[in-house]
Amino acid sequence: MSVPQFMRKQWTAEEVFQLRKLARKNTPAQVIARKLGRSIDAVYVKASREGLSLRLVPEQELPVSQS
C-alpha cells in the first residue's frame, strides 16, 4: 500500500544538497536518514532518483547517535 501524496514530505533544495554532499563523503544511508529526519527507504528512493549510490552498513557498525 502506498502512502497518499498529501502525506509525503517534499524534499527541499537544501535537503537534496545535503544528501548529495553526504553521499559523496560515502556516509552510510542510515546516518544520512537520521541527519535529514527521513526514513532509510525515503533516502534510498531520492538518492536513486538523483543518480546517487549509497552505502548501507550493519547496524552494529554505525556510530552511536549524539542526540
PDB file of N, CA and C in Angstrom:
ATOM      1  N   MET A   1       0.848  -1.186   0.000  1.00  0.00           N
ATOM      2  CA  MET A   1       0.000   0.000   0.000  1.00  0.00           C
ATOM      3  C   MET A   1       0.887   1.239   0.000  1.00  0.00           C
ATOM      4  N   SER A   2       0.674   2.115  -0.920  1.00  0.00           N
ATOM      5  CA  SER A   2       1.495   3.320  -0.992  1.00  0.00           C
ATOM      6  C   SER A   2       0.911   4.421  -0.112  1.00  0.00           C
ATOM      7  N   VAL A   3       1.775   5.330   0.279  1.00  0.00           N
ATOM      8  CA  VAL A   3       1.372   6.466   1.112  1.00  0.00           C
ATOM      9  C   VAL A   3       0.717   7.502   0.211  1.00  0.00           C
ATOM     10  N   PRO A   4      -0.435   8.052   0.621  1.00  0.00           N
ATOM     11  CA  PRO A   4      -1.068   9.098  -0.195  1.00  0.00           C
ATOM     12  C   PRO A   4      -0.123  10.277  -0.402  1.00  0.00           C
ATOM     13  N   GLN A   5      -0.206  10.899  -1.560  1.00  0.00           N
ATOM     14  CA  GLN A   5       0.686  12.007  -1.921  1.00  0.00           C
ATOM     15  C   GLN A   5       0.680  13.118  -0.872  1.00  0.00           C
ATOM     16  N   PHE A   6      -0.481  13.411  -0.290  1.00  0.00           N
ATOM     17  CA  PHE A   6      -0.556  14.519   0.666  1.00  0.00           C
ATOM     18  C   PHE A   6       0.165  14.218   1.974  1.00  0.00           C
ATOM     19  N   MET A   7       0.539  12.966   2.224  1.00  0.00           N
ATOM     20  CA  MET A   7       1.233  12.610   3.462  1.00  0.00           C
ATOM     21  C   MET A   7       2.745  12.601   3.286  1.00  0.00           C
ATOM     22  N   ARG A   8       3.216  12.666   2.061  1.00  0.00           N
ATOM     23  CA  ARG A   8       4.649  12.640   1.807  1.00  0.00           C
ATOM     24  C   ARG A   8       5.266  13.997   2.099  1.00  0.00           C
ATOM     25  N   LYS A   9       6.431  13.970   2.701  1.00  0.00           N
ATOM     26  CA  LYS A   9       7.162  15.198   2.982  1.00  0.00           C
ATOM     27  C   LYS A   9       8.015  15.530   1.764  1.00  0.00           C
ATOM     28  N   GLN A  10       7.799  16.677   1.174  1.00  0.00           N
ATOM     29  CA  GLN A  10       8.543  17.096  -0.011  1.00  0.00           C
ATOM     30  C   GLN A  10      10.000  17.367   0.359  1.00  0.00           C
ATOM     31  N   TRP A  11      10.893  17.061  -0.564  1.00  0.00           N
ATOM     32  CA  TRP A  11      12.313  17.326  -0.371  1.00  0.00           C
ATOM     33  C   TRP A  11      12.600  18.785  -0.719  1.00  0.00           C
ATOM     34  N   THR A  12      13.305  19.467   0.167  1.00  0.00           N
ATOM     35  CA  THR A  12      13.719  20.844  -0.117  1.00  0.00           C
ATOM     36  C   THR A  12      15.039  20.809  -0.878  1.00  0.00           C
ATOM     37  N   ALA A  13      15.375  21.918  -1.493  1.00  0.00           N
ATOM     38  CA  ALA A  13      16.651  22.025  -2.205  1.00  0.00           C
ATOM     39  C   ALA A  13      17.813  21.822  -1.237  1.00  0.00           C
ATOM     40  N   GLU A  14      17.675  22.318  -0.023  1.00  0.00           N
ATOM     41  CA  GLU A  14      18.732  22.160   0.987  1.00  0.00           C
ATOM     42  C   GLU A  14      18.912  20.690   1.368  1.00  0.00           C
ATOM     43  N   GLU A  15      17.818  19.954   1.502  1.00  0.00           N
ATOM     44  CA  GLU A  15      17.911  18.533   1.834  1.00  0.00           C
ATOM     45  C   GLU A  15      18.586  17.749   0.706  1.00  0.00           C
ATOM     46  N   VAL A  16      18.263  18.069  -0.529  1.00  0.00           N
ATOM     47  CA  VAL A  16      18.887  17.394  -1.672  1.00  0.00           C
ATOM     48  C   VAL A  16      20.373  17.726  -1.704  1.00  0.00           C
ATOM     49  N   PHE A  17      20.712  18.970  -1.423  1.00  0.00           N
ATOM     50  CA  PHE A  17      22.113  19.383  -1.359  1.00  0.00           C
ATOM     51  C   PHE A  17      22.855  18.568  -0.299  1.00  0.00           C
ATOM     52  N   GLN A  18      22.254  18.453   0.893  1.00  0.00           N
ATOM     53  CA  GLN A  18      22.868  17.689   1.980  1.00  0.00           C
ATOM     54  C   GLN A  18      22.995  16.216   1.612  1.00  0.00           C
ATOM     55  N   LEU A  19      21.969  15.655   0.981  1.00  0.00           N
ATOM     56  CA  LEU A  19      22.010  14.261   0.543  1.00  0.00           C
ATOM     57  C   LEU A  19      23.185  14.040  -0.401  1.00  0.00           C
ATOM     58  N   ARG A  20      23.340  14.919  -1.379  1.00  0.00           N
ATOM     59  CA  ARG A  20      24.441  14.791  -2.342  1.00  0.00           C
ATOM     60  C   ARG A  20      25.805  14.913  -1.644  1.00  0.00           C
ATOM     61  N   LYS A  21      25.910  15.875  -0.753  1.00  0.00           N
ATOM     62  CA  LYS A  21      27.156  16.113  -0.031  1.00  0.00           C
ATOM     63  C   LYS A  21      27.537  14.893   0.822  1.00  0.00           C
ATOM     64  N   LEU A  22      26.574  14.366   1.547  1.00  0.00           N
ATOM     65  CA  LEU A  22      26.840  13.218   2.411  1.00  0.00           C
ATOM     66  C   LEU A  22      27.120  11.953   1.602  1.00  0.00           C
ATOM     67  N   ALA A  23      26.429  11.780   0.488  1.00  0.00           N
ATOM     68  CA  ALA A  23      26.657  10.611  -0.370  1.00  0.00           C
ATOM     69  C   ALA A  23      28.075  10.653  -0.945  1.00  0.00           C
ATOM     70  N   ARG A  24      28.546  11.840  -1.340  1.00  0.00           N
ATOM     71  CA  ARG A  24      29.912  11.972  -1.868  1.00  0.00           C
ATOM     72  C   ARG A  24      30.951  11.613  -0.814  1.00  0.00           C
ATOM     73  N   LYS A  25      30.628  11.846   0.459  1.00  0.00           N
ATOM     74  CA  LYS A  25      31.545  11.519   1.555  1.00  0.00           C
ATOM     75  C   LYS A  25      31.444  10.054   1.957  1.00  0.00           C
ATOM     76  N   ASN A  26      30.617   9.285   1.231  1.00  0.00           N
ATOM     77  CA  ASN A  26      30.421   7.861   1.499  1.00  0.00           C
ATOM     78  C   ASN A  26      29.804   7.623   2.884  1.00  0.00           C
ATOM     79  N   THR A  27      28.950   8.546   3.303  1.00  0.00           N
ATOM     80  CA  THR A  27      28.250   8.434   4.575  1.00  0.00           C
ATOM     81  C   THR A  27      27.213   7.315   4.474  1.00  0.00           C
ATOM     82  N   PRO A  28      27.121   6.434   5.491  1.00  0.00           N
ATOM     83  CA  PRO A  28      26.122   5.363   5.443  1.00  0.00           C
ATOM     84  C   PRO A  28      24.700   5.912   5.325  1.00  0.00           C
ATOM     85  N   ALA A  29      23.870   5.189   4.599  1.00  0.00           N
ATOM     86  CA  ALA A  29      22.488   5.615   4.372  1.00  0.00           C
ATOM     87  C   ALA A  29      21.735   5.843   5.677  1.00  0.00           C
ATOM     88  N   GLN A  30      21.992   5.003   6.667  1.00  0.00           N
ATOM     89  CA  GLN A  30      21.296   5.154   7.941  1.00  0.00           C
ATOM     90  C   GLN A  30      21.636   6.487   8.616  1.00  0.00           C
ATOM     91  N   VAL A  31      22.881   6.895   8.502  1.00  0.00           N
ATOM     92  CA  VAL A  31      23.319   8.158   9.105  1.00  0.00           C
ATOM     93  C   VAL A  31      22.696   9.332   8.344  1.00  0.00           C
ATOM     94  N   ILE A  32      22.662   9.243   7.030  1.00  0.00           N
ATOM     95  CA  ILE A  32      22.033  10.295   6.227  1.00  0.00           C
ATOM     96  C   ILE A  32      20.569  10.430   6.609  1.00  0.00           C
ATOM     97  N   ALA A  33      19.875   9.307   6.721  1.00  0.00           N
ATOM     98  CA  ALA A  33      18.453   9.327   7.088  1.00  0.00           C
ATOM     99  C   ALA A  33      18.258  10.002   8.439  1.00  0.00           C
ATOM    100  N   ARG A  34      19.095   9.665   9.392  1.00  0.00           N
ATOM    101  CA  ARG A  34      18.989  10.250  10.730  1.00  0.00           C
ATOM    102  C   ARG A  34      19.233  11.750  10.679  1.00  0.00           C
ATOM    103  N   LYS A  35      20.257  12.182   9.948  1.00  0.00           N
ATOM    104  CA  LYS A  35      20.585  13.614   9.863  1.00  0.00           C
ATOM    105  C   LYS A  35      19.495  14.417   9.168  1.00  0.00           C
ATOM    106  N   LEU A  36      18.844  13.817   8.176  1.00  0.00           N
ATOM    107  CA  LEU A  36      17.816  14.526   7.415  1.00  0.00           C
ATOM    108  C   LEU A  36      16.407  14.348   7.993  1.00  0.00           C
ATOM    109  N   GLY A  37      16.272  13.488   8.994  1.00  0.00           N
ATOM    110  CA  GLY A  37      14.945  13.250   9.563  1.00  0.00           C
ATOM    111  C   GLY A  37      14.032  12.507   8.604  1.00  0.00           C
ATOM    112  N   ARG A  38      14.623  11.612   7.810  1.00  0.00           N
ATOM    113  CA  ARG A  38      13.887  10.835   6.806  1.00  0.00           C
ATOM    114  C   ARG A  38      14.053   9.356   7.100  1.00  0.00           C
ATOM    115  N   SER A  39      13.170   8.549   6.516  1.00  0.00           N
ATOM    116  CA  SER A  39      13.337   7.101   6.635  1.00  0.00           C
ATOM    117  C   SER A  39      14.465   6.663   5.702  1.00  0.00           C
ATOM    118  N   ILE A  40      15.029   5.506   5.988  1.00  0.00           N
ATOM    119  CA  ILE A  40      16.079   4.973   5.119  1.00  0.00           C
ATOM    120  C   ILE A  40      15.516   4.736   3.721  1.00  0.00           C
ATOM    121  N   ASP A  41      14.291   4.231   3.654  1.00  0.00           N
ATOM    122  CA  ASP A  41      13.664   3.998   2.345  1.00  0.00           C
ATOM    123  C   ASP A  41      13.532   5.298   1.557  1.00  0.00           C
ATOM    124  N   ALA A  42      13.106   6.376   2.225  1.00  0.00           N
ATOM    125  CA  ALA A  42      12.949   7.664   1.535  1.00  0.00           C
ATOM    126  C   ALA A  42      14.288   8.154   1.010  1.00  0.00           C
ATOM    127  N   VAL A  43      15.334   7.959   1.791  1.00  0.00           N
ATOM    128  CA  VAL A  43      16.670   8.396   1.375  1.00  0.00           C
ATOM    129  C   VAL A  43      17.134   7.584   0.167  1.00  0.00           C
ATOM    130  N   TYR A  44      16.907   6.266   0.191  1.00  0.00           N
ATOM    131  CA  TYR A  44      17.302   5.433  -0.945  1.00  0.00           C
ATOM    132  C   TYR A  44      16.548   5.809  -2.216  1.00  0.00           C
ATOM    133  N   VAL A  45      15.255   6.038  -2.092  1.00  0.00           N
ATOM    134  CA  VAL A  45      14.455   6.386  -3.271  1.00  0.00           C
ATOM    135  C   VAL A  45      14.932   7.708  -3.861  1.00  0.00           C
ATOM    136  N   LYS A  46      15.126   8.704  -3.011  1.00  0.00           N
ATOM    137  CA  LYS A  46      15.565  10.009  -3.507  1.00  0.00           C
ATOM    138  C   LYS A  46      16.964   9.920  -4.113  1.00  0.00           C
ATOM    139  N   ALA A  47      17.853   9.186  -3.453  1.00  0.00           N
ATOM    140  CA  ALA A  47      19.208   9.027  -3.985  1.00  0.00           C
ATOM    141  C   ALA A  47      19.169   8.364  -5.356  1.00  0.00           C
ATOM    142  N   SER A  48      18.341   7.355  -5.499  1.00  0.00           N
ATOM    143  CA  SER A  48      18.211   6.673  -6.782  1.00  0.00           C
ATOM    144  C   SER A  48      17.719   7.625  -7.861  1.00  0.00           C
ATOM    145  N   ARG A  49      16.726   8.422  -7.535  1.00  0.00           N
ATOM    146  CA  ARG A  49      16.188   9.390  -8.493  1.00  0.00           C
ATOM    147  C   ARG A  49      17.194  10.468  -8.854  1.00  0.00           C
ATOM    148  N   GLU A  50      18.114  10.741  -7.937  1.00  0.00           N
ATOM    149  CA  GLU A  50      19.151  11.746  -8.177  1.00  0.00           C
ATOM    150  C   GLU A  50      20.407  11.137  -8.802  1.00  0.00           C
ATOM    151  N   GLY A  51      20.396   9.810  -9.014  1.00  0.00           N
ATOM    152  CA  GLY A  51      21.544   9.140  -9.618  1.00  0.00           C
ATOM    153  C   GLY A  51      22.703   8.927  -8.665  1.00  0.00           C
ATOM    154  N   LEU A  52      22.403   8.818  -7.367  1.00  0.00           N
ATOM    155  CA  LEU A  52      23.437   8.650  -6.350  1.00  0.00           C
ATOM    156  C   LEU A  52      23.482   7.211  -5.845  1.00  0.00           C
ATOM    157  N   SER A  53      24.652   6.764  -5.439  1.00  0.00           N
ATOM    158  CA  SER A  53      24.815   5.465  -4.799  1.00  0.00           C
ATOM    159  C   SER A  53      25.008   5.694  -3.310  1.00  0.00           C
ATOM    160  N   LEU A  54      24.392   4.838  -2.503  1.00  0.00           N
ATOM    161  CA  LEU A  54      24.531   4.952  -1.061  1.00  0.00           C
ATOM    162  C   LEU A  54      25.099   3.676  -0.472  1.00  0.00           C
ATOM    163  N   ARG A  55      25.719   3.826   0.654  1.00  0.00           N
ATOM    164  CA  ARG A  55      26.329   2.711   1.365  1.00  0.00           C
ATOM    165  C   ARG A  55      25.420   2.325   2.525  1.00  0.00           C
ATOM    166  N   LEU A  56      25.226   1.025   2.719  1.00  0.00           N
ATOM    167  CA  LEU A  56      24.468   0.503   3.854  1.00  0.00           C
ATOM    168  C   LEU A  56      25.435  -0.302   4.698  1.00  0.00           C
ATOM    169  N   VAL A  57      25.490  -0.026   5.984  1.00  0.00           N
ATOM    170  CA  VAL A  57      26.382  -0.781   6.867  1.00  0.00           C
ATOM    171  C   VAL A  57      25.548  -1.477   7.934  1.00  0.00           C
ATOM    172  N   PRO A  58      26.054  -2.599   8.447  1.00  0.00           N
ATOM    173  CA  PRO A  58      25.326  -3.279   9.524  1.00  0.00           C
ATOM    174  C   PRO A  58      25.115  -2.349  10.712  1.00  0.00           C
ATOM    175  N   GLU A  59      23.969  -2.467  11.342  1.00  0.00           N
ATOM    176  CA  GLU A  59      23.583  -1.585  12.451  1.00  0.00           C
ATOM    177  C   GLU A  59      24.652  -1.525  13.548  1.00  0.00           C
ATOM    178  N   GLN A  60      25.288  -2.649  13.862  1.00  0.00           N
ATOM    179  CA  GLN A  60      26.275  -2.676  14.943  1.00  0.00           C
ATOM    180  C   GLN A  60      27.554  -1.911  14.599  1.00  0.00           C
ATOM    181  N   GLU A  61      27.756  -1.601  13.327  1.00  0.00           N
ATOM    182  CA  GLU A  61      28.935  -0.844  12.915  1.00  0.00           C
ATOM    183  C   GLU A  61      28.694   0.660  12.837  1.00  0.00           C
ATOM    184  N   LEU A  62      27.451   1.086  13.026  1.00  0.00           N
ATOM    185  CA  LEU A  62      27.123   2.504  12.940  1.00  0.00           C
ATOM    186  C   LEU A  62      27.636   3.251  14.162  1.00  0.00           C
ATOM    187  N   PRO A  63      28.028   4.505  13.976  1.00  0.00           N
ATOM    188  CA  PRO A  63      28.429   5.319  15.134  1.00  0.00           C
ATOM    189  C   PRO A  63      27.196   5.574  16.021  1.00  0.00           C
ATOM    190  N   VAL A  64      27.428   5.685  17.299  1.00  0.00           N
ATOM    191  CA  VAL A  64      26.349   5.942  18.257  1.00  0.00           C
ATOM    192  C   VAL A  64      25.844   7.355  18.049  1.00  0.00           C
ATOM    193  N   SER A  65      24.517   7.529  18.057  1.00  0.00           N
ATOM    194  CA  SER A  65      23.914   8.841  17.858  1.00  0.00           C
ATOM    195  C   SER A  65      24.274   9.761  19.016  1.00  0.00           C
ATOM    196  N   GLN A  66      24.568  11.015  18.678  1.00  0.00           N
ATOM    197  CA  GLN A  66      24.931  12.011  19.685  1.00  0.00           C
ATOM    198  C   GLN A  66      23.729  12.836  20.130  1.00  0.00           C
ATOM    199  N   SER A  67      22.505  12.464  19.723  1.00  0.00           N
ATOM    200  CA  SER A  67      21.349  13.279  20.073  1.00  0.00           C
ATOM    201  C   SER A  67      20.777  12.963  21.417  1.00  0.00           C
TER     202      SER A  67
END
